[in-house]
Amino acid sequence: MAMTVYRSRNALTGPLTPDQLAEVDLPWTRYGRRGYQTAEVDALLHRLVFELADRERRVAECRAENQRIKKALRTWQSDQANARADARAAADAMA
């Protein structure tokens, strides 16, 4: 027996974003009597939106810190190279 993959009309593709999750509209079950309680599903979606937004904020902070460290390293490397060049020029001048 071949396995099939369920494809929801609400399938979210790619990396999930808070906006994508906030826009999910889960369909009602037949006659509104079966399935999950709407309040529970909504609560879960709100939690997911909060957690994803927090995660995106932390990733953005990490990226900004990474850029700050890279810039500081480049500045330090340039300062070290300039100091070596100045030391060589001074040694050459004394010779």
PDB file of N, CA and C in Angstrom:
ATOM      1  N   MET A   1       0.838  -1.182   0.000  1.00  0.00           N
ATOM      2  CA  MET A   1       0.000   0.000   0.000  1.00  0.00           C
ATOM      3  C   MET A   1       0.885   1.249   0.000  1.00  0.00           C
ATOM      4  N   ALA A   2       0.673   2.124  -0.944  1.00  0.00           N
ATOM      5  CA  ALA A   2       1.483   3.328  -1.060  1.00  0.00           C
ATOM      6  C   ALA A   2       1.042   4.374  -0.028  1.00  0.00           C
ATOM      7  N   MET A   3       2.034   5.048   0.540  1.00  0.00           N
ATOM      8  CA  MET A   3       1.720   6.110   1.496  1.00  0.00           C
ATOM      9  C   MET A   3       1.486   7.413   0.752  1.00  0.00           C
ATOM     10  N   THR A   4       0.528   8.150   1.214  1.00  0.00           N
ATOM     11  CA  THR A   4       0.280   9.454   0.624  1.00  0.00           C
ATOM     12  C   THR A   4       0.564  10.518   1.675  1.00  0.00           C
ATOM     13  N   VAL A   5       0.881  11.695   1.221  1.00  0.00           N
ATOM     14  CA  VAL A   5       1.169  12.808   2.109  1.00  0.00           C
ATOM     15  C   VAL A   5      -0.024  13.745   2.103  1.00  0.00           C
ATOM     16  N   TYR A   6      -0.489  14.070   3.299  1.00  0.00           N
ATOM     17  CA  TYR A   6      -1.613  14.998   3.417  1.00  0.00           C
ATOM     18  C   TYR A   6      -1.133  16.404   3.101  1.00  0.00           C
ATOM     19  N   ARG A   7      -1.834  17.088   2.255  1.00  0.00           N
ATOM     20  CA  ARG A   7      -1.515  18.471   1.907  1.00  0.00           C
ATOM     21  C   ARG A   7      -2.691  19.349   2.311  1.00  0.00           C
ATOM     22  N   SER A   8      -2.476  20.163   3.315  1.00  0.00           N
ATOM     23  CA  SER A   8      -3.528  21.068   3.769  1.00  0.00           C
ATOM     24  C   SER A   8      -3.575  22.284   2.860  1.00  0.00           C
ATOM     25  N   ARG A   9      -4.750  22.861   2.725  1.00  0.00           N
ATOM     26  CA  ARG A   9      -4.842  24.104   1.960  1.00  0.00           C
ATOM     27  C   ARG A   9      -4.194  25.239   2.736  1.00  0.00           C
ATOM     28  N   ASN A  10      -3.922  25.011   4.022  1.00  0.00           N
ATOM     29  CA  ASN A  10      -3.268  26.001   4.861  1.00  0.00           C
ATOM     30  C   ASN A  10      -1.780  25.722   5.016  1.00  0.00           C
ATOM     31  N   ALA A  11      -1.223  24.828   4.186  1.00  0.00           N
ATOM     32  CA  ALA A  11       0.184  24.472   4.324  1.00  0.00           C
ATOM     33  C   ALA A  11       1.060  25.716   4.200  1.00  0.00           C
ATOM     34  N   LEU A  12       1.981  25.837   5.141  1.00  0.00           N
ATOM     35  CA  LEU A  12       2.898  26.968   5.139  1.00  0.00           C
ATOM     36  C   LEU A  12       4.215  26.488   4.555  1.00  0.00           C
ATOM     37  N   THR A  13       4.690  27.179   3.541  1.00  0.00           N
ATOM     38  CA  THR A  13       5.930  26.774   2.901  1.00  0.00           C
ATOM     39  C   THR A  13       7.051  27.702   3.338  1.00  0.00           C
ATOM     40  N   GLY A  14       8.255  27.184   3.298  1.00  0.00           N
ATOM     41  CA  GLY A  14       9.413  27.978   3.666  1.00  0.00           C
ATOM     42  C   GLY A  14       9.476  28.221   5.165  1.00  0.00           C
ATOM     43  N   PRO A  15      10.442  29.041   5.583  1.00  0.00           N
ATOM     44  CA  PRO A  15      10.576  29.344   7.004  1.00  0.00           C
ATOM     45  C   PRO A  15       9.334  30.070   7.518  1.00  0.00           C
ATOM     46  N   LEU A  16       8.867  29.664   8.667  1.00  0.00           N
ATOM     47  CA  LEU A  16       7.674  30.282   9.237  1.00  0.00           C
ATOM     48  C   LEU A  16       8.008  31.652   9.806  1.00  0.00           C
ATOM     49  N   THR A  17       7.115  32.576   9.584  1.00  0.00           N
ATOM     50  CA  THR A  17       7.253  33.906  10.165  1.00  0.00           C
ATOM     51  C   THR A  17       6.048  34.162  11.056  1.00  0.00           C
ATOM     52  N   PRO A  18       6.168  35.087  12.008  1.00  0.00           N
ATOM     53  CA  PRO A  18       5.009  35.409  12.835  1.00  0.00           C
ATOM     54  C   PRO A  18       3.811  35.861  12.006  1.00  0.00           C
ATOM     55  N   ASP A  19       4.062  36.618  10.955  1.00  0.00           N
ATOM     56  CA  ASP A  19       2.958  37.099  10.118  1.00  0.00           C
ATOM     57  C   ASP A  19       2.232  35.941   9.435  1.00  0.00           C
ATOM     58  N   GLN A  20       2.990  34.943   8.967  1.00  0.00           N
ATOM     59  CA  GLN A  20       2.359  33.783   8.334  1.00  0.00           C
ATOM     60  C   GLN A  20       1.460  33.055   9.327  1.00  0.00           C
ATOM     61  N   LEU A  21       1.968  32.826  10.524  1.00  0.00           N
ATOM     62  CA  LEU A  21       1.170  32.119  11.520  1.00  0.00           C
ATOM     63  C   LEU A  21      -0.044  32.923  11.948  1.00  0.00           C
ATOM     64  N   ALA A  22       0.110  34.235  12.052  1.00  0.00           N
ATOM     65  CA  ALA A  22      -1.014  35.074  12.461  1.00  0.00           C
ATOM     66  C   ALA A  22      -2.129  35.034  11.426  1.00  0.00           C
ATOM     67  N   GLU A  23      -1.789  34.782  10.164  1.00  0.00           N
ATOM     68  CA  GLU A  23      -2.778  34.774   9.092  1.00  0.00           C
ATOM     69  C   GLU A  23      -3.422  33.407   8.850  1.00  0.00           C
ATOM     70  N   VAL A  24      -2.951  32.357   9.550  1.00  0.00           N
ATOM     71  CA  VAL A  24      -3.526  31.025   9.345  1.00  0.00           C
ATOM     72  C   VAL A  24      -4.980  31.031   9.786  1.00  0.00           C
ATOM     73  N   ASP A  25      -5.828  30.508   8.923  1.00  0.00           N
ATOM     74  CA  ASP A  25      -7.254  30.402   9.223  1.00  0.00           C
ATOM     75  C   ASP A  25      -7.623  28.933   9.129  1.00  0.00           C
ATOM     76  N   LEU A  26      -7.672  28.269  10.279  1.00  0.00           N
ATOM     77  CA  LEU A  26      -7.983  26.845  10.277  1.00  0.00           C
ATOM     78  C   LEU A  26      -9.460  26.636   9.950  1.00  0.00           C
ATOM     79  N   PRO A  27      -9.741  25.664   9.107  1.00  0.00           N
ATOM     80  CA  PRO A  27     -11.140  25.434   8.720  1.00  0.00           C
ATOM     81  C   PRO A  27     -11.942  24.829   9.870  1.00  0.00           C
ATOM     82  N   TRP A  28     -13.224  25.115   9.862  1.00  0.00           N
ATOM     83  CA  TRP A  28     -14.137  24.522  10.840  1.00  0.00           C
ATOM     84  C   TRP A  28     -14.415  23.084  10.442  1.00  0.00           C
ATOM     85  N   THR A  29     -14.658  22.264  11.424  1.00  0.00           N
ATOM     86  CA  THR A  29     -15.050  20.894  11.118  1.00  0.00           C
ATOM     87  C   THR A  29     -16.528  20.875  10.759  1.00  0.00           C
ATOM     88  N   ARG A  30     -16.991  19.749  10.300  1.00  0.00           N
ATOM     89  CA  ARG A  30     -18.401  19.638   9.917  1.00  0.00           C
ATOM     90  C   ARG A  30     -19.316  20.009  11.068  1.00  0.00           C
ATOM     91  N   TYR A  31     -20.226  20.843  10.775  1.00  0.00           N
ATOM     92  CA  TYR A  31     -21.278  21.246  11.706  1.00  0.00           C
ATOM     93  C   TYR A  31     -20.728  21.890  12.978  1.00  0.00           C
ATOM     94  N   GLY A  32     -19.442  22.189  13.002  1.00  0.00           N
ATOM     95  CA  GLY A  32     -18.847  22.842  14.147  1.00  0.00           C
ATOM     96  C   GLY A  32     -18.849  22.015  15.423  1.00  0.00           C
ATOM     97  N   ARG A  33     -19.048  20.701  15.310  1.00  0.00           N
ATOM     98  CA  ARG A  33     -19.137  19.876  16.517  1.00  0.00           C
ATOM     99  C   ARG A  33     -17.898  19.044  16.780  1.00  0.00           C
ATOM    100  N   ARG A  34     -17.116  18.754  15.779  1.00  0.00           N
ATOM    101  CA  ARG A  34     -15.956  17.895  15.962  1.00  0.00           C
ATOM    102  C   ARG A  34     -14.679  18.698  15.785  1.00  0.00           C
ATOM    103  N   GLY A  35     -13.577  18.125  16.222  1.00  0.00           N
ATOM    104  CA  GLY A  35     -12.287  18.761  16.017  1.00  0.00           C
ATOM    105  C   GLY A  35     -11.804  19.443  17.278  1.00  0.00           C
ATOM    106  N   TYR A  36     -10.841  20.300  17.095  1.00  0.00           N
ATOM    107  CA  TYR A  36     -10.232  20.999  18.217  1.00  0.00           C
ATOM    108  C   TYR A  36     -11.104  22.161  18.665  1.00  0.00           C
ATOM    109  N   GLN A  37     -10.928  22.527  19.924  1.00  0.00           N
ATOM    110  CA  GLN A  37     -11.645  23.696  20.415  1.00  0.00           C
ATOM    111  C   GLN A  37     -10.955  24.930  19.837  1.00  0.00           C
ATOM    112  N   THR A  38     -11.740  25.806  19.286  1.00  0.00           N
ATOM    113  CA  THR A  38     -11.201  26.988  18.616  1.00  0.00           C
ATOM    114  C   THR A  38     -10.336  27.810  19.556  1.00  0.00           C
ATOM    115  N   ALA A  39     -10.752  27.979  20.785  1.00  0.00           N
ATOM    116  CA  ALA A  39      -9.981  28.780  21.744  1.00  0.00           C
ATOM    117  C   ALA A  39      -8.607  28.168  21.983  1.00  0.00           C
ATOM    118  N   GLU A  40      -8.522  26.838  22.016  1.00  0.00           N
ATOM    119  CA  GLU A  40      -7.243  26.167  22.230  1.00  0.00           C
ATOM    120  C   GLU A  40      -6.317  26.361  21.031  1.00  0.00           C
ATOM    121  N   VAL A  41      -6.875  26.225  19.844  1.00  0.00           N
ATOM    122  CA  VAL A  41      -6.070  26.411  18.632  1.00  0.00           C
ATOM    123  C   VAL A  41      -5.584  27.855  18.550  1.00  0.00           C
ATOM    124  N   ASP A  42      -6.471  28.795  18.830  1.00  0.00           N
ATOM    125  CA  ASP A  42      -6.087  30.211  18.807  1.00  0.00           C
ATOM    126  C   ASP A  42      -4.994  30.507  19.830  1.00  0.00           C
ATOM    127  N   ALA A  43      -5.118  29.931  21.025  1.00  0.00           N
ATOM    128  CA  ALA A  43      -4.110  30.150  22.067  1.00  0.00           C
ATOM    129  C   ALA A  43      -2.753  29.613  21.615  1.00  0.00           C
ATOM    130  N   LEU A  44      -2.759  28.442  20.993  1.00  0.00           N
ATOM    131  CA  LEU A  44      -1.511  27.871  20.505  1.00  0.00           C
ATOM    132  C   LEU A  44      -0.906  28.749  19.410  1.00  0.00           C
ATOM    133  N   LEU A  45      -1.724  29.204  18.486  1.00  0.00           N
ATOM    134  CA  LEU A  45      -1.218  30.061  17.414  1.00  0.00           C
ATOM    135  C   LEU A  45      -0.644  31.356  17.979  1.00  0.00           C
ATOM    136  N   HIS A  46      -1.295  31.943  18.966  1.00  0.00           N
ATOM    137  CA  HIS A  46      -0.776  33.173  19.574  1.00  0.00           C
ATOM    138  C   HIS A  46       0.571  32.913  20.258  1.00  0.00           C
ATOM    139  N   ARG A  47       0.677  31.760  20.902  1.00  0.00           N
ATOM    140  CA  ARG A  47       1.951  31.417  21.536  1.00  0.00           C
ATOM    141  C   ARG A  47       3.041  31.250  20.486  1.00  0.00           C
ATOM    142  N   LEU A  48       2.725  30.559  19.389  1.00  0.00           N
ATOM    143  CA  LEU A  48       3.705  30.373  18.320  1.00  0.00           C
ATOM    144  C   LEU A  48       4.133  31.700  17.712  1.00  0.00           C
ATOM    145  N   VAL A  49       3.186  32.603  17.513  1.00  0.00           N
ATOM    146  CA  VAL A  49       3.510  33.926  16.972  1.00  0.00           C
ATOM    147  C   VAL A  49       4.465  34.640  17.922  1.00  0.00           C
ATOM    148  N   PHE A  50       4.177  34.605  19.217  1.00  0.00           N
ATOM    149  CA  PHE A  50       5.039  35.259  20.205  1.00  0.00           C
ATOM    150  C   PHE A  50       6.435  34.654  20.197  1.00  0.00           C
ATOM    151  N   GLU A  51       6.502  33.318  20.205  1.00  0.00           N
ATOM    152  CA  GLU A  51       7.804  32.654  20.247  1.00  0.00           C
ATOM    153  C   GLU A  51       8.620  32.904  18.984  1.00  0.00           C
ATOM    154  N   LEU A  52       7.976  32.881  17.829  1.00  0.00           N
ATOM    155  CA  LEU A  52       8.704  33.141  16.588  1.00  0.00           C
ATOM    156  C   LEU A  52       9.176  34.592  16.513  1.00  0.00           C
ATOM    157  N   ALA A  53       8.349  35.518  16.966  1.00  0.00           N
ATOM    158  CA  ALA A  53       8.759  36.925  16.972  1.00  0.00           C
ATOM    159  C   ALA A  53       9.948  37.120  17.903  1.00  0.00           C
ATOM    160  N   ASP A  54       9.911  36.475  19.070  1.00  0.00           N
ATOM    161  CA  ASP A  54      11.023  36.571  20.008  1.00  0.00           C
ATOM    162  C   ASP A  54      12.284  35.953  19.414  1.00  0.00           C
ATOM    163  N   ARG A  55      12.135  34.816  18.746  1.00  0.00           N
ATOM    164  CA  ARG A  55      13.286  34.157  18.125  1.00  0.00           C
ATOM    165  C   ARG A  55      13.872  35.031  17.020  1.00  0.00           C
ATOM    166  N   GLU A  56      13.028  35.632  16.196  1.00  0.00           N
ATOM    167  CA  GLU A  56      13.527  36.514  15.136  1.00  0.00           C
ATOM    168  C   GLU A  56      14.260  37.716  15.726  1.00  0.00           C
ATOM    169  N   ARG A  57      13.745  38.248  16.845  1.00  0.00           N
ATOM    170  CA  ARG A  57      14.403  39.378  17.509  1.00  0.00           C
ATOM    171  C   ARG A  57      15.788  38.965  18.004  1.00  0.00           C
ATOM    172  N   ARG A  58      15.882  37.775  18.625  1.00  0.00           N
ATOM    173  CA  ARG A  58      17.170  37.317  19.143  1.00  0.00           C
ATOM    174  C   ARG A  58      18.155  37.036  18.005  1.00  0.00           C
ATOM    175  N   VAL A  59      17.680  36.475  16.905  1.00  0.00           N
ATOM    176  CA  VAL A  59      18.556  36.236  15.751  1.00  0.00           C
ATOM    177  C   VAL A  59      19.072  37.567  15.198  1.00  0.00           C
ATOM    178  N   ALA A  60      18.191  38.556  15.106  1.00  0.00           N
ATOM    179  CA  ALA A  60      18.612  39.877  14.618  1.00  0.00           C
ATOM    180  C   ALA A  60      19.653  40.489  15.549  1.00  0.00           C
ATOM    181  N   GLU A  61      19.468  40.323  16.856  1.00  0.00           N
ATOM    182  CA  GLU A  61      20.454  40.832  17.812  1.00  0.00           C
ATOM    183  C   GLU A  61      21.797  40.121  17.636  1.00  0.00           C
ATOM    184  N   CYS A  62      21.765  38.810  17.429  1.00  0.00           N
ATOM    185  CA  CYS A  62      23.001  38.047  17.210  1.00  0.00           C
ATOM    186  C   CYS A  62      23.712  38.500  15.938  1.00  0.00           C
ATOM    187  N   ARG A  63      22.944  38.730  14.892  1.00  0.00           N
ATOM    188  CA  ARG A  63      23.555  39.183  13.641  1.00  0.00           C
ATOM    189  C   ARG A  63      24.189  40.561  13.807  1.00  0.00           C
ATOM    190  N   ALA A  64      23.505  41.457  14.524  1.00  0.00           N
ATOM    191  CA  ALA A  64      24.053  42.792  14.760  1.00  0.00           C
ATOM    192  C   ALA A  64      25.330  42.699  15.589  1.00  0.00           C
ATOM    193  N   GLU A  65      25.331  41.857  16.611  1.00  0.00           N
ATOM    194  CA  GLU A  65      26.532  41.675  17.436  1.00  0.00           C
ATOM    195  C   GLU A  65      27.660  41.071  16.611  1.00  0.00           C
ATOM    196  N   ASN A  66      27.335  40.138  15.738  1.00  0.00           N
ATOM    197  CA  ASN A  66      28.327  39.538  14.853  1.00  0.00           C
ATOM    198  C   ASN A  66      28.961  40.607  13.961  1.00  0.00           C
ATOM    199  N   GLN A  67      28.145  41.481  13.393  1.00  0.00           N
ATOM    200  CA  GLN A  67      28.677  42.558  12.554  1.00  0.00           C
ATOM    201  C   GLN A  67      29.562  43.508  13.365  1.00  0.00           C
ATOM    202  N   ARG A  68      29.148  43.805  14.604  1.00  0.00           N
ATOM    203  CA  ARG A  68      29.942  44.687  15.467  1.00  0.00           C
ATOM    204  C   ARG A  68      31.310  44.065  15.746  1.00  0.00           C
ATOM    205  N   ILE A  69      31.328  42.757  16.049  1.00  0.00           N
ATOM    206  CA  ILE A  69      32.591  42.064  16.332  1.00  0.00           C
ATOM    207  C   ILE A  69      33.474  42.018  15.095  1.00  0.00           C
ATOM    208  N   LYS A  70      32.893  41.741  13.924  1.00  0.00           N
ATOM    209  CA  LYS A  70      33.675  41.721  12.681  1.00  0.00           C
ATOM    210  C   LYS A  70      34.313  43.080  12.410  1.00  0.00           C
ATOM    211  N   LYS A  71      33.538  44.146  12.617  1.00  0.00           N
ATOM    212  CA  LYS A  71      34.061  45.493  12.388  1.00  0.00           C
ATOM    213  C   LYS A  71      35.193  45.792  13.364  1.00  0.00           C
ATOM    214  N   ALA A  72      35.023  45.407  14.625  1.00  0.00           N
ATOM    215  CA  ALA A  72      36.065  45.633  15.624  1.00  0.00           C
ATOM    216  C   ALA A  72      37.329  44.848  15.280  1.00  0.00           C
ATOM    217  N   LEU A  73      37.172  43.626  14.808  1.00  0.00           N
ATOM    218  CA  LEU A  73      38.323  42.810  14.417  1.00  0.00           C
ATOM    219  C   LEU A  73      39.057  43.427  13.231  1.00  0.00           C
ATOM    220  N   ARG A  74      38.297  43.884  12.239  1.00  0.00           N
ATOM    221  CA  ARG A  74      38.940  44.521  11.077  1.00  0.00           C
ATOM    222  C   ARG A  74      39.708  45.775  11.502  1.00  0.00           C
ATOM    223  N   THR A  75      39.112  46.560  12.388  1.00  0.00           N
ATOM    224  CA  THR A  75      39.788  47.771  12.875  1.00  0.00           C
ATOM    225  C   THR A  75      41.066  47.400  13.616  1.00  0.00           C
ATOM    226  N   TRP A  76      40.986  46.395  14.485  1.00  0.00           N
ATOM    227  CA  TRP A  76      42.153  45.950  15.241  1.00  0.00           C
ATOM    228  C   TRP A  76      43.248  45.449  14.298  1.00  0.00           C
ATOM    229  N   GLN A  77      42.855  44.652  13.290  1.00  0.00           N
ATOM    230  CA  GLN A  77      43.836  44.140  12.330  1.00  0.00           C
ATOM    231  C   GLN A  77      44.504  45.285  11.577  1.00  0.00           C
ATOM    232  N   SER A  78      43.721  46.277  11.173  1.00  0.00           N
ATOM    233  CA  SER A  78      44.294  47.428  10.472  1.00  0.00           C
ATOM    234  C   SER A  78      45.253  48.187  11.380  1.00  0.00           C
ATOM    235  N   ASP A  79      44.860  48.389  12.630  1.00  0.00           N
ATOM    236  CA  ASP A  79      45.733  49.075  13.586  1.00  0.00           C
ATOM    237  C   ASP A  79      47.034  48.312  13.781  1.00  0.00           C
ATOM    238  N   GLN A  80      46.958  46.984  13.884  1.00  0.00           N
ATOM    239  CA  GLN A  80      48.160  46.166  14.058  1.00  0.00           C
ATOM    240  C   GLN A  80      49.065  46.254  12.829  1.00  0.00           C
ATOM    241  N   ALA A  81      48.474  46.202  11.652  1.00  0.00           N
ATOM    242  CA  ALA A  81      49.259  46.294  10.415  1.00  0.00           C
ATOM    243  C   ALA A  81      49.925  47.665  10.310  1.00  0.00           C
ATOM    244  N   ASN A  82      49.199  48.717  10.653  1.00  0.00           N
ATOM    245  CA  ASN A  82      49.771  50.068  10.619  1.00  0.00           C
ATOM    246  C   ASN A  82      50.890  50.220  11.644  1.00  0.00           C
ATOM    247  N   ALA A  83      50.719  49.636  12.825  1.00  0.00           N
ATOM    248  CA  ALA A  83      51.758  49.710  13.861  1.00  0.00           C
ATOM    249  C   ALA A  83      53.011  48.977  13.396  1.00  0.00           C
ATOM    250  N   ARG A  84      52.847  47.818  12.761  1.00  0.00           N
ATOM    251  CA  ARG A  84      54.016  47.086  12.240  1.00  0.00           C
ATOM    252  C   ARG A  84      54.716  47.888  11.144  1.00  0.00           C
ATOM    253  N   ALA A  85      53.923  48.491  10.271  1.00  0.00           N
ATOM    254  CA  ALA A  85      54.512  49.290   9.183  1.00  0.00           C
ATOM    255  C   ALA A  85      55.263  50.490   9.760  1.00  0.00           C
ATOM    256  N   ASP A  86      54.694  51.136  10.775  1.00  0.00           N
ATOM    257  CA  ASP A  86      55.368  52.273  11.415  1.00  0.00           C
ATOM    258  C   ASP A  86      56.657  51.825  12.096  1.00  0.00           C
ATOM    259  N   ALA A  87      56.622  50.660  12.745  1.00  0.00           N
ATOM    260  CA  ALA A  87      57.813  50.138  13.420  1.00  0.00           C
ATOM    261  C   ALA A  87      58.904  49.824  12.400  1.00  0.00           C
ATOM    262  N   ARG A  88      58.519  49.242  11.255  1.00  0.00           N
ATOM    263  CA  ARG A  88      59.509  48.954  10.201  1.00  0.00           C
ATOM    264  C   ARG A  88      60.108  50.235   9.642  1.00  0.00           C
ATOM    265  N   ALA A  89      59.232  51.238   9.423  1.00  0.00           N
ATOM    266  CA  ALA A  89      59.716  52.514   8.873  1.00  0.00           C
ATOM    267  C   ALA A  89      60.666  53.179   9.863  1.00  0.00           C
ATOM    268  N   ALA A  90      60.378  53.103  11.148  1.00  0.00           N
ATOM    269  CA  ALA A  90      61.264  53.686  12.149  1.00  0.00           C
ATOM    270  C   ALA A  90      62.580  52.939  12.210  1.00  0.00           C
ATOM    271  N   ALA A  91      62.525  51.612  12.104  1.00  0.00           N
ATOM    272  CA  ALA A  91      63.766  50.805  12.120  1.00  0.00           C
ATOM    273  C   ALA A  91      64.595  51.104  10.889  1.00  0.00           C
ATOM    274  N   ASP A  92      63.967  51.274   9.737  1.00  0.00           N
ATOM    275  CA  ASP A  92      64.691  51.593   8.507  1.00  0.00           C
ATOM    276  C   ASP A  92      65.339  52.979   8.601  1.00  0.00           C
ATOM    277  N   ALA A  93      64.632  53.917   9.253  1.00  0.00           N
ATOM    278  CA  ALA A  93      65.154  55.272   9.372  1.00  0.00           C
ATOM    279  C   ALA A  93      66.372  55.315  10.276  1.00  0.00           C
ATOM    280  N   MET A  94      66.436  54.429  11.261  1.00  0.00           N
ATOM    281  CA  MET A  94      67.565  54.415  12.189  1.00  0.00           C
ATOM    282  C   MET A  94      68.757  53.690  11.586  1.00  0.00           C
ATOM    283  N   ALA A  95      68.537  52.882  10.588  1.00  0.00           N
ATOM    284  CA  ALA A  95      69.633  52.087  10.016  1.00  0.00           C
ATOM    285  C   ALA A  95      70.435  52.841   9.009  1.00  0.00           C
TER     286      ALA A  95
END
